[in-house]
Amino acid sequence: MPLYEYRCETCTKTFEVIQKFSDAPLTSCPDCGKQVEKLMSLGSFQLKGNGWYNTDYKKSNSPSKTGSAGESCGSSTGACGKPACSTN
């Protein structure tokens, strides 16, 4: 279930509540009972570890387009469109 962040407009307390998507947003502060506003906060989703397509699912034995550290892909721009790194 998602974690939502609220802030009381009167006592300025900020708190988090775990709610279902179908639950109505909170309207009152649990401490003072006054009006609260729902805050927008960043999600904490990250992809970590090996793979994520390049090593887990790729079937080809050809070198990757982006190359590894210290290698140049031989093109004037890298995979991201920025100038390719030079190796000396």
PDB file of N, CA and C in Angstrom:
ATOM      1  N   MET A   1       0.832  -1.181   0.000  1.00  0.00           N
ATOM      2  CA  MET A   1       0.000   0.000   0.000  1.00  0.00           C
ATOM      3  C   MET A   1       0.877   1.244   0.000  1.00  0.00           C
ATOM      4  N   PRO A   2       0.409   2.275  -0.666  1.00  0.00           N
ATOM      5  CA  PRO A   2       1.193   3.516  -0.747  1.00  0.00           C
ATOM      6  C   PRO A   2       1.279   4.256   0.579  1.00  0.00           C
ATOM      7  N   LEU A   3       2.337   4.999   0.711  1.00  0.00           N
ATOM      8  CA  LEU A   3       2.574   5.836   1.884  1.00  0.00           C
ATOM      9  C   LEU A   3       2.358   7.288   1.457  1.00  0.00           C
ATOM     10  N   TYR A   4       1.422   7.963   2.117  1.00  0.00           N
ATOM     11  CA  TYR A   4       1.103   9.350   1.790  1.00  0.00           C
ATOM     12  C   TYR A   4       1.576  10.273   2.898  1.00  0.00           C
ATOM     13  N   GLU A   5       1.993  11.457   2.507  1.00  0.00           N
ATOM     14  CA  GLU A   5       2.503  12.437   3.454  1.00  0.00           C
ATOM     15  C   GLU A   5       1.520  13.608   3.536  1.00  0.00           C
ATOM     16  N   TYR A   6       1.217  14.025   4.751  1.00  0.00           N
ATOM     17  CA  TYR A   6       0.284  15.126   5.000  1.00  0.00           C
ATOM     18  C   TYR A   6       0.946  16.157   5.905  1.00  0.00           C
ATOM     19  N   ARG A   7       0.451  17.407   5.837  1.00  0.00           N
ATOM     20  CA  ARG A   7       0.919  18.462   6.732  1.00  0.00           C
ATOM     21  C   ARG A   7      -0.289  19.244   7.221  1.00  0.00           C
ATOM     22  N   CYS A   8      -0.332  19.475   8.539  1.00  0.00           N
ATOM     23  CA  CYS A   8      -1.402  20.248   9.142  1.00  0.00           C
ATOM     24  C   CYS A   8      -1.166  21.723   8.848  1.00  0.00           C
ATOM     25  N   GLU A   9      -2.218  22.418   8.439  1.00  0.00           N
ATOM     26  CA  GLU A   9      -2.105  23.842   8.125  1.00  0.00           C
ATOM     27  C   GLU A   9      -2.023  24.703   9.381  1.00  0.00           C
ATOM     28  N   THR A  10      -2.494  24.172  10.530  1.00  0.00           N
ATOM     29  CA  THR A  10      -2.507  24.957  11.764  1.00  0.00           C
ATOM     30  C   THR A  10      -1.263  24.710  12.620  1.00  0.00           C
ATOM     31  N   CYS A  11      -1.021  23.445  12.968  1.00  0.00           N
ATOM     32  CA  CYS A  11       0.121  23.153  13.855  1.00  0.00           C
ATOM     33  C   CYS A  11       1.391  22.811  13.084  1.00  0.00           C
ATOM     34  N   THR A  12       1.346  22.789  11.768  1.00  0.00           N
ATOM     35  CA  THR A  12       2.458  22.506  10.842  1.00  0.00           C
ATOM     36  C   THR A  12       3.128  21.147  11.074  1.00  0.00           C
ATOM     37  N   LYS A  13       2.436  20.221  11.724  1.00  0.00           N
ATOM     38  CA  LYS A  13       2.980  18.873  11.908  1.00  0.00           C
ATOM     39  C   LYS A  13       2.904  18.134  10.566  1.00  0.00           C
ATOM     40  N   THR A  14       3.987  17.451  10.213  1.00  0.00           N
ATOM     41  CA  THR A  14       4.028  16.620   9.018  1.00  0.00           C
ATOM     42  C   THR A  14       4.007  15.162   9.451  1.00  0.00           C
ATOM     43  N   PHE A  15       3.134  14.358   8.809  1.00  0.00           N
ATOM     44  CA  PHE A  15       3.027  12.950   9.180  1.00  0.00           C
ATOM     45  C   PHE A  15       2.725  12.109   7.952  1.00  0.00           C
ATOM     46  N   GLU A  16       2.987  10.812   8.074  1.00  0.00           N
ATOM     47  CA  GLU A  16       2.782   9.867   6.984  1.00  0.00           C
ATOM     48  C   GLU A  16       1.695   8.878   7.366  1.00  0.00           C
ATOM     49  N   VAL A  17       0.916   8.460   6.357  1.00  0.00           N
ATOM     50  CA  VAL A  17      -0.170   7.506   6.569  1.00  0.00           C
ATOM     51  C   VAL A  17      -0.138   6.483   5.443  1.00  0.00           C
ATOM     52  N   ILE A  18      -0.237   5.201   5.785  1.00  0.00           N
ATOM     53  CA  ILE A  18      -0.350   4.155   4.784  1.00  0.00           C
ATOM     54  C   ILE A  18      -1.829   4.003   4.459  1.00  0.00           C
ATOM     55  N   GLN A  19      -2.177   4.190   3.178  1.00  0.00           N
ATOM     56  CA  GLN A  19      -3.568   4.123   2.743  1.00  0.00           C
ATOM     57  C   GLN A  19      -3.684   3.334   1.455  1.00  0.00           C
ATOM     58  N   LYS A  20      -4.854   2.749   1.236  1.00  0.00           N
ATOM     59  CA  LYS A  20      -5.156   2.108  -0.037  1.00  0.00           C
ATOM     60  C   LYS A  20      -5.409   3.192  -1.071  1.00  0.00           C
ATOM     61  N   PHE A  21      -5.292   2.824  -2.351  1.00  0.00           N
ATOM     62  CA  PHE A  21      -5.612   3.771  -3.413  1.00  0.00           C
ATOM     63  C   PHE A  21      -7.075   4.193  -3.338  1.00  0.00           C
ATOM     64  N   SER A  22      -7.929   3.280  -2.909  1.00  0.00           N
ATOM     65  CA  SER A  22      -9.367   3.560  -2.860  1.00  0.00           C
ATOM     66  C   SER A  22      -9.788   4.364  -1.628  1.00  0.00           C
ATOM     67  N   ASP A  23      -8.908   4.521  -0.633  1.00  0.00           N
ATOM     68  CA  ASP A  23      -9.238   5.294   0.571  1.00  0.00           C
ATOM     69  C   ASP A  23      -9.316   6.784   0.258  1.00  0.00           C
ATOM     70  N   ALA A  24     -10.233   7.459   0.911  1.00  0.00           N
ATOM     71  CA  ALA A  24     -10.351   8.916   0.761  1.00  0.00           C
ATOM     72  C   ALA A  24      -9.179   9.593   1.472  1.00  0.00           C
ATOM     73  N   PRO A  25      -8.689  10.714   0.933  1.00  0.00           N
ATOM     74  CA  PRO A  25      -7.598  11.437   1.604  1.00  0.00           C
ATOM     75  C   PRO A  25      -8.030  11.936   2.983  1.00  0.00           C
ATOM     76  N   LEU A  26      -7.066  12.046   3.884  1.00  0.00           N
ATOM     77  CA  LEU A  26      -7.374  12.568   5.213  1.00  0.00           C
ATOM     78  C   LEU A  26      -7.768  14.040   5.116  1.00  0.00           C
ATOM     79  N   THR A  27      -8.611  14.477   6.038  1.00  0.00           N
ATOM     80  CA  THR A  27      -9.043  15.877   6.037  1.00  0.00           C
ATOM     81  C   THR A  27      -8.711  16.581   7.336  1.00  0.00           C
ATOM     82  N   SER A  28      -8.409  15.814   8.405  1.00  0.00           N
ATOM     83  CA  SER A  28      -8.136  16.461   9.689  1.00  0.00           C
ATOM     84  C   SER A  28      -6.868  15.898  10.328  1.00  0.00           C
ATOM     85  N   CYS A  29      -6.190  16.749  11.078  1.00  0.00           N
ATOM     86  CA  CYS A  29      -4.956  16.401  11.771  1.00  0.00           C
ATOM     87  C   CYS A  29      -5.272  15.482  12.952  1.00  0.00           C
ATOM     88  N   PRO A  30      -4.495  14.414  13.157  1.00  0.00           N
ATOM     89  CA  PRO A  30      -4.745  13.531  14.303  1.00  0.00           C
ATOM     90  C   PRO A  30      -4.433  14.195  15.643  1.00  0.00           C
ATOM     91  N   ASP A  31      -3.598  15.245  15.650  1.00  0.00           N
ATOM     92  CA  ASP A  31      -3.247  15.923  16.906  1.00  0.00           C
ATOM     93  C   ASP A  31      -4.228  17.032  17.272  1.00  0.00           C
ATOM     94  N   CYS A  32      -4.461  17.971  16.334  1.00  0.00           N
ATOM     95  CA  CYS A  32      -5.283  19.138  16.683  1.00  0.00           C
ATOM     96  C   CYS A  32      -6.666  19.119  16.030  1.00  0.00           C
ATOM     97  N   GLY A  33      -6.896  18.241  15.049  1.00  0.00           N
ATOM     98  CA  GLY A  33      -8.199  18.135  14.416  1.00  0.00           C
ATOM     99  C   GLY A  33      -8.464  19.161  13.325  1.00  0.00           C
ATOM    100  N   LYS A  34      -7.504  20.002  13.007  1.00  0.00           N
ATOM    101  CA  LYS A  34      -7.682  21.031  11.973  1.00  0.00           C
ATOM    102  C   LYS A  34      -7.389  20.449  10.589  1.00  0.00           C
ATOM    103  N   GLN A  35      -7.574  21.270   9.559  1.00  0.00           N
ATOM    104  CA  GLN A  35      -7.424  20.864   8.159  1.00  0.00           C
ATOM    105  C   GLN A  35      -5.977  20.478   7.822  1.00  0.00           C
ATOM    106  N   VAL A  36      -5.820  19.415   7.001  1.00  0.00           N
ATOM    107  CA  VAL A  36      -4.498  18.993   6.522  1.00  0.00           C
ATOM    108  C   VAL A  36      -4.452  19.077   5.004  1.00  0.00           C
ATOM    109  N   GLU A  37      -3.228  19.171   4.472  1.00  0.00           N
ATOM    110  CA  GLU A  37      -3.038  19.124   3.030  1.00  0.00           C
ATOM    111  C   GLU A  37      -2.153  17.943   2.681  1.00  0.00           C
ATOM    112  N   LYS A  38      -2.444  17.310   1.550  1.00  0.00           N
ATOM    113  CA  LYS A  38      -1.661  16.174   1.078  1.00  0.00           C
ATOM    114  C   LYS A  38      -0.433  16.712   0.353  1.00  0.00           C
ATOM    115  N   LEU A  39       0.739  16.206   0.698  1.00  0.00           N
ATOM    116  CA  LEU A  39       1.990  16.681   0.102  1.00  0.00           C
ATOM    117  C   LEU A  39       2.408  15.784  -1.044  1.00  0.00           C
ATOM    118  N   MET A  40       3.118  16.361  -1.983  1.00  0.00           N
ATOM    119  CA  MET A  40       3.718  15.599  -3.076  1.00  0.00           C
ATOM    120  C   MET A  40       5.138  15.270  -2.652  1.00  0.00           C
ATOM    121  N   SER A  41       5.488  14.005  -2.684  1.00  0.00           N
ATOM    122  CA  SER A  41       6.839  13.610  -2.312  1.00  0.00           C
ATOM    123  C   SER A  41       7.402  12.674  -3.364  1.00  0.00           C
ATOM    124  N   LEU A  42       8.712  12.568  -3.409  1.00  0.00           N
ATOM    125  CA  LEU A  42       9.380  11.716  -4.383  1.00  0.00           C
ATOM    126  C   LEU A  42       9.224  10.250  -4.020  1.00  0.00           C
ATOM    127  N   GLY A  43       9.106   9.455  -5.025  1.00  0.00           N
ATOM    128  CA  GLY A  43       9.082   8.016  -4.811  1.00  0.00           C
ATOM    129  C   GLY A  43      10.474   7.506  -4.515  1.00  0.00           C
ATOM    130  N   SER A  44      10.572   6.329  -3.972  1.00  0.00           N
ATOM    131  CA  SER A  44      11.881   5.798  -3.608  1.00  0.00           C
ATOM    132  C   SER A  44      12.202   4.532  -4.395  1.00  0.00           C
ATOM    133  N   PHE A  45      11.803   4.465  -5.644  1.00  0.00           N
ATOM    134  CA  PHE A  45      12.026   3.300  -6.477  1.00  0.00           C
ATOM    135  C   PHE A  45      13.380   3.400  -7.160  1.00  0.00           C
ATOM    136  N   GLN A  46      14.218   2.382  -6.976  1.00  0.00           N
ATOM    137  CA  GLN A  46      15.533   2.363  -7.617  1.00  0.00           C
ATOM    138  C   GLN A  46      15.807   0.971  -8.156  1.00  0.00           C
ATOM    139  N   LEU A  47      16.459   0.913  -9.302  1.00  0.00           N
ATOM    140  CA  LEU A  47      16.912  -0.351  -9.862  1.00  0.00           C
ATOM    141  C   LEU A  47      18.391  -0.480  -9.526  1.00  0.00           C
ATOM    142  N   LYS A  48      18.734  -1.472  -8.722  1.00  0.00           N
ATOM    143  CA  LYS A  48      20.122  -1.667  -8.322  1.00  0.00           C
ATOM    144  C   LYS A  48      20.562  -3.076  -8.690  1.00  0.00           C
ATOM    145  N   GLY A  49      21.853  -3.240  -8.799  1.00  0.00           N
ATOM    146  CA  GLY A  49      22.397  -4.564  -9.044  1.00  0.00           C
ATOM    147  C   GLY A  49      22.799  -4.752 -10.492  1.00  0.00           C
ATOM    148  N   ASN A  50      23.198  -5.955 -10.812  1.00  0.00           N
ATOM    149  CA  ASN A  50      23.643  -6.288 -12.154  1.00  0.00           C
ATOM    150  C   ASN A  50      22.467  -6.404 -13.096  1.00  0.00           C
ATOM    151  N   GLY A  51      22.755  -6.184 -14.357  1.00  0.00           N
ATOM    152  CA  GLY A  51      21.792  -6.512 -15.373  1.00  0.00           C
ATOM    153  C   GLY A  51      20.874  -5.415 -15.808  1.00  0.00           C
ATOM    154  N   TRP A  52      19.631  -5.619 -15.585  1.00  0.00           N
ATOM    155  CA  TRP A  52      18.587  -4.759 -16.104  1.00  0.00           C
ATOM    156  C   TRP A  52      18.736  -4.654 -17.611  1.00  0.00           C
ATOM    157  N   TYR A  53      18.538  -5.786 -18.234  1.00  0.00           N
ATOM    158  CA  TYR A  53      18.525  -6.041 -19.654  1.00  0.00           C
ATOM    159  C   TYR A  53      19.905  -6.300 -20.235  1.00  0.00           C
ATOM    160  N   ASN A  54      20.881  -5.435 -20.060  1.00  0.00           N
ATOM    161  CA  ASN A  54      22.159  -5.606 -20.750  1.00  0.00           C
ATOM    162  C   ASN A  54      22.842  -6.921 -20.429  1.00  0.00           C
ATOM    163  N   THR A  55      22.817  -7.377 -19.194  1.00  0.00           N
ATOM    164  CA  THR A  55      23.484  -8.637 -18.890  1.00  0.00           C
ATOM    165  C   THR A  55      22.511  -9.763 -18.566  1.00  0.00           C
ATOM    166  N   ASP A  56      21.305  -9.461 -18.160  1.00  0.00           N
ATOM    167  CA  ASP A  56      20.378 -10.522 -17.785  1.00  0.00           C
ATOM    168  C   ASP A  56      19.642 -11.133 -18.958  1.00  0.00           C
ATOM    169  N   TYR A  57      19.278 -10.337 -19.959  1.00  0.00           N
ATOM    170  CA  TYR A  57      18.423 -10.840 -21.025  1.00  0.00           C
ATOM    171  C   TYR A  57      19.048 -10.804 -22.403  1.00  0.00           C
ATOM    172  N   LYS A  58      20.174 -10.182 -22.529  1.00  0.00           N
ATOM    173  CA  LYS A  58      20.796 -10.041 -23.837  1.00  0.00           C
ATOM    174  C   LYS A  58      21.359 -11.388 -24.279  1.00  0.00           C
ATOM    175  N   LYS A  59      21.008 -11.825 -25.480  1.00  0.00           N
ATOM    176  CA  LYS A  59      21.436 -13.131 -25.995  1.00  0.00           C
ATOM    177  C   LYS A  59      22.709 -13.043 -26.828  1.00  0.00           C
ATOM    178  N   SER A  60      22.978 -11.888 -27.402  1.00  0.00           N
ATOM    179  CA  SER A  60      24.102 -11.718 -28.309  1.00  0.00           C
ATOM    180  C   SER A  60      25.430 -11.691 -27.549  1.00  0.00           C
ATOM    181  N   ASN A  61      26.495 -12.190 -28.173  1.00  0.00           N
ATOM    182  CA  ASN A  61      27.825 -12.141 -27.581  1.00  0.00           C
ATOM    183  C   ASN A  61      28.608 -10.929 -28.072  1.00  0.00           C
ATOM    184  N   SER A  62      27.955 -10.049 -28.832  1.00  0.00           N
ATOM    185  CA  SER A  62      28.651  -8.866 -29.337  1.00  0.00           C
ATOM    186  C   SER A  62      28.842  -7.861 -28.209  1.00  0.00           C
ATOM    187  N   PRO A  63      29.889  -7.008 -28.309  1.00  0.00           N
ATOM    188  CA  PRO A  63      30.114  -6.008 -27.257  1.00  0.00           C
ATOM    189  C   PRO A  63      28.942  -5.033 -27.178  1.00  0.00           C
ATOM    190  N   SER A  64      28.727  -4.512 -25.986  1.00  0.00           N
ATOM    191  CA  SER A  64      27.614  -3.582 -25.799  1.00  0.00           C
ATOM    192  C   SER A  64      27.905  -2.266 -26.500  1.00  0.00           C
ATOM    193  N   LYS A  65      26.845  -1.512 -26.796  1.00  0.00           N
ATOM    194  CA  LYS A  65      26.993  -0.241 -27.500  1.00  0.00           C
ATOM    195  C   LYS A  65      27.670   0.806 -26.633  1.00  0.00           C
ATOM    196  N   THR A  66      27.427   0.765 -25.333  1.00  0.00           N
ATOM    197  CA  THR A  66      27.976   1.799 -24.467  1.00  0.00           C
ATOM    198  C   THR A  66      29.397   1.491 -24.052  1.00  0.00           C
ATOM    199  N   GLY A  67      29.827   0.247 -24.139  1.00  0.00           N
ATOM    200  CA  GLY A  67      31.185  -0.103 -23.743  1.00  0.00           C
ATOM    201  C   GLY A  67      31.336  -0.113 -22.244  1.00  0.00           C
ATOM    202  N   SER A  68      32.472  -0.585 -21.776  1.00  0.00           N
ATOM    203  CA  SER A  68      32.715  -0.593 -20.342  1.00  0.00           C
ATOM    204  C   SER A  68      33.657   0.538 -19.996  1.00  0.00           C
ATOM    205  N   ALA A  69      33.944   0.710 -18.733  1.00  0.00           N
ATOM    206  CA  ALA A  69      34.797   1.810 -18.276  1.00  0.00           C
ATOM    207  C   ALA A  69      36.147   1.739 -18.961  1.00  0.00           C
ATOM    208  N   GLY A  70      36.604   2.868 -19.490  1.00  0.00           N
ATOM    209  CA  GLY A  70      37.904   2.919 -20.139  1.00  0.00           C
ATOM    210  C   GLY A  70      37.876   2.563 -21.605  1.00  0.00           C
ATOM    211  N   GLU A  71      36.727   2.145 -22.151  1.00  0.00           N
ATOM    212  CA  GLU A  71      36.634   1.812 -23.559  1.00  0.00           C
ATOM    213  C   GLU A  71      35.931   2.924 -24.306  1.00  0.00           C
ATOM    214  N   SER A  72      36.257   3.064 -25.566  1.00  0.00           N
ATOM    215  CA  SER A  72      35.560   4.006 -26.424  1.00  0.00           C
ATOM    216  C   SER A  72      34.722   3.214 -27.394  1.00  0.00           C
ATOM    217  N   CYS A  73      33.527   3.683 -27.692  1.00  0.00           N
ATOM    218  CA  CYS A  73      32.661   2.951 -28.602  1.00  0.00           C
ATOM    219  C   CYS A  73      33.029   3.216 -30.058  1.00  0.00           C
ATOM    220  N   GLY A  74      33.937   4.149 -30.306  1.00  0.00           N
ATOM    221  CA  GLY A  74      34.397   4.400 -31.657  1.00  0.00           C
ATOM    222  C   GLY A  74      33.531   5.377 -32.434  1.00  0.00           C
ATOM    223  N   SER A  75      32.487   5.887 -31.830  1.00  0.00           N
ATOM    224  CA  SER A  75      31.651   6.864 -32.517  1.00  0.00           C
ATOM    225  C   SER A  75      31.913   8.248 -31.942  1.00  0.00           C
ATOM    226  N   SER A  76      31.403   9.265 -32.619  1.00  0.00           N
ATOM    227  CA  SER A  76      31.632  10.627 -32.146  1.00  0.00           C
ATOM    228  C   SER A  76      30.738  10.975 -30.974  1.00  0.00           C
ATOM    229  N   THR A  77      29.654  10.229 -30.795  1.00  0.00           N
ATOM    230  CA  THR A  77      28.786  10.450 -29.645  1.00  0.00           C
ATOM    231  C   THR A  77      28.551   9.137 -28.927  1.00  0.00           C
ATOM    232  N   GLY A  78      28.331   9.209 -27.624  1.00  0.00           N
ATOM    233  CA  GLY A  78      28.043   8.012 -26.846  1.00  0.00           C
ATOM    234  C   GLY A  78      26.580   7.623 -26.995  1.00  0.00           C
ATOM    235  N   ALA A  79      26.155   6.597 -26.288  1.00  0.00           N
ATOM    236  CA  ALA A  79      24.783   6.105 -26.344  1.00  0.00           C
ATOM    237  C   ALA A  79      23.786   7.155 -25.872  1.00  0.00           C
ATOM    238  N   CYS A  80      24.222   8.055 -25.000  1.00  0.00           N
ATOM    239  CA  CYS A  80      23.326   9.088 -24.457  1.00  0.00           C
ATOM    240  C   CYS A  80      23.258  10.318 -25.349  1.00  0.00           C
ATOM    241  N   GLY A  81      24.017  10.357 -26.438  1.00  0.00           N
ATOM    242  CA  GLY A  81      23.995  11.511 -27.330  1.00  0.00           C
ATOM    243  C   GLY A  81      25.045  12.548 -26.997  1.00  0.00           C
ATOM    244  N   LYS A  82      25.744  12.387 -25.877  1.00  0.00           N
ATOM    245  CA  LYS A  82      26.793  13.324 -25.495  1.00  0.00           C
ATOM    246  C   LYS A  82      28.082  12.912 -26.186  1.00  0.00           C
ATOM    247  N   PRO A  83      29.043  13.805 -26.292  1.00  0.00           N
ATOM    248  CA  PRO A  83      30.326  13.439 -26.899  1.00  0.00           C
ATOM    249  C   PRO A  83      30.942  12.239 -26.193  1.00  0.00           C
ATOM    250  N   ALA A  84      31.516  11.338 -27.006  1.00  0.00           N
ATOM    251  CA  ALA A  84      32.105  10.126 -26.451  1.00  0.00           C
ATOM    252  C   ALA A  84      33.318  10.448 -25.604  1.00  0.00           C
ATOM    253  N   CYS A  85      33.546   9.631 -24.590  1.00  0.00           N
ATOM    254  CA  CYS A  85      34.711   9.822 -23.739  1.00  0.00           C
ATOM    255  C   CYS A  85      35.964   9.429 -24.515  1.00  0.00           C
ATOM    256  N   SER A  86      37.039  10.125 -24.277  1.00  0.00           N
ATOM    257  CA  SER A  86      38.288   9.778 -24.941  1.00  0.00           C
ATOM    258  C   SER A  86      39.153   8.999 -23.980  1.00  0.00           C
ATOM    259  N   THR A  87      39.899   8.053 -24.509  1.00  0.00           N
ATOM    260  CA  THR A  87      40.824   7.293 -23.679  1.00  0.00           C
ATOM    261  C   THR A  87      42.236   7.674 -24.081  1.00  0.00           C
ATOM    262  N   ASN A  88      43.063   7.966 -23.114  1.00  0.00           N
ATOM    263  CA  ASN A  88      44.448   8.355 -23.391  1.00  0.00           C
ATOM    264  C   ASN A  88      45.391   7.353 -22.843  1.00  0.00           C
TER     265      ASN A  88
END
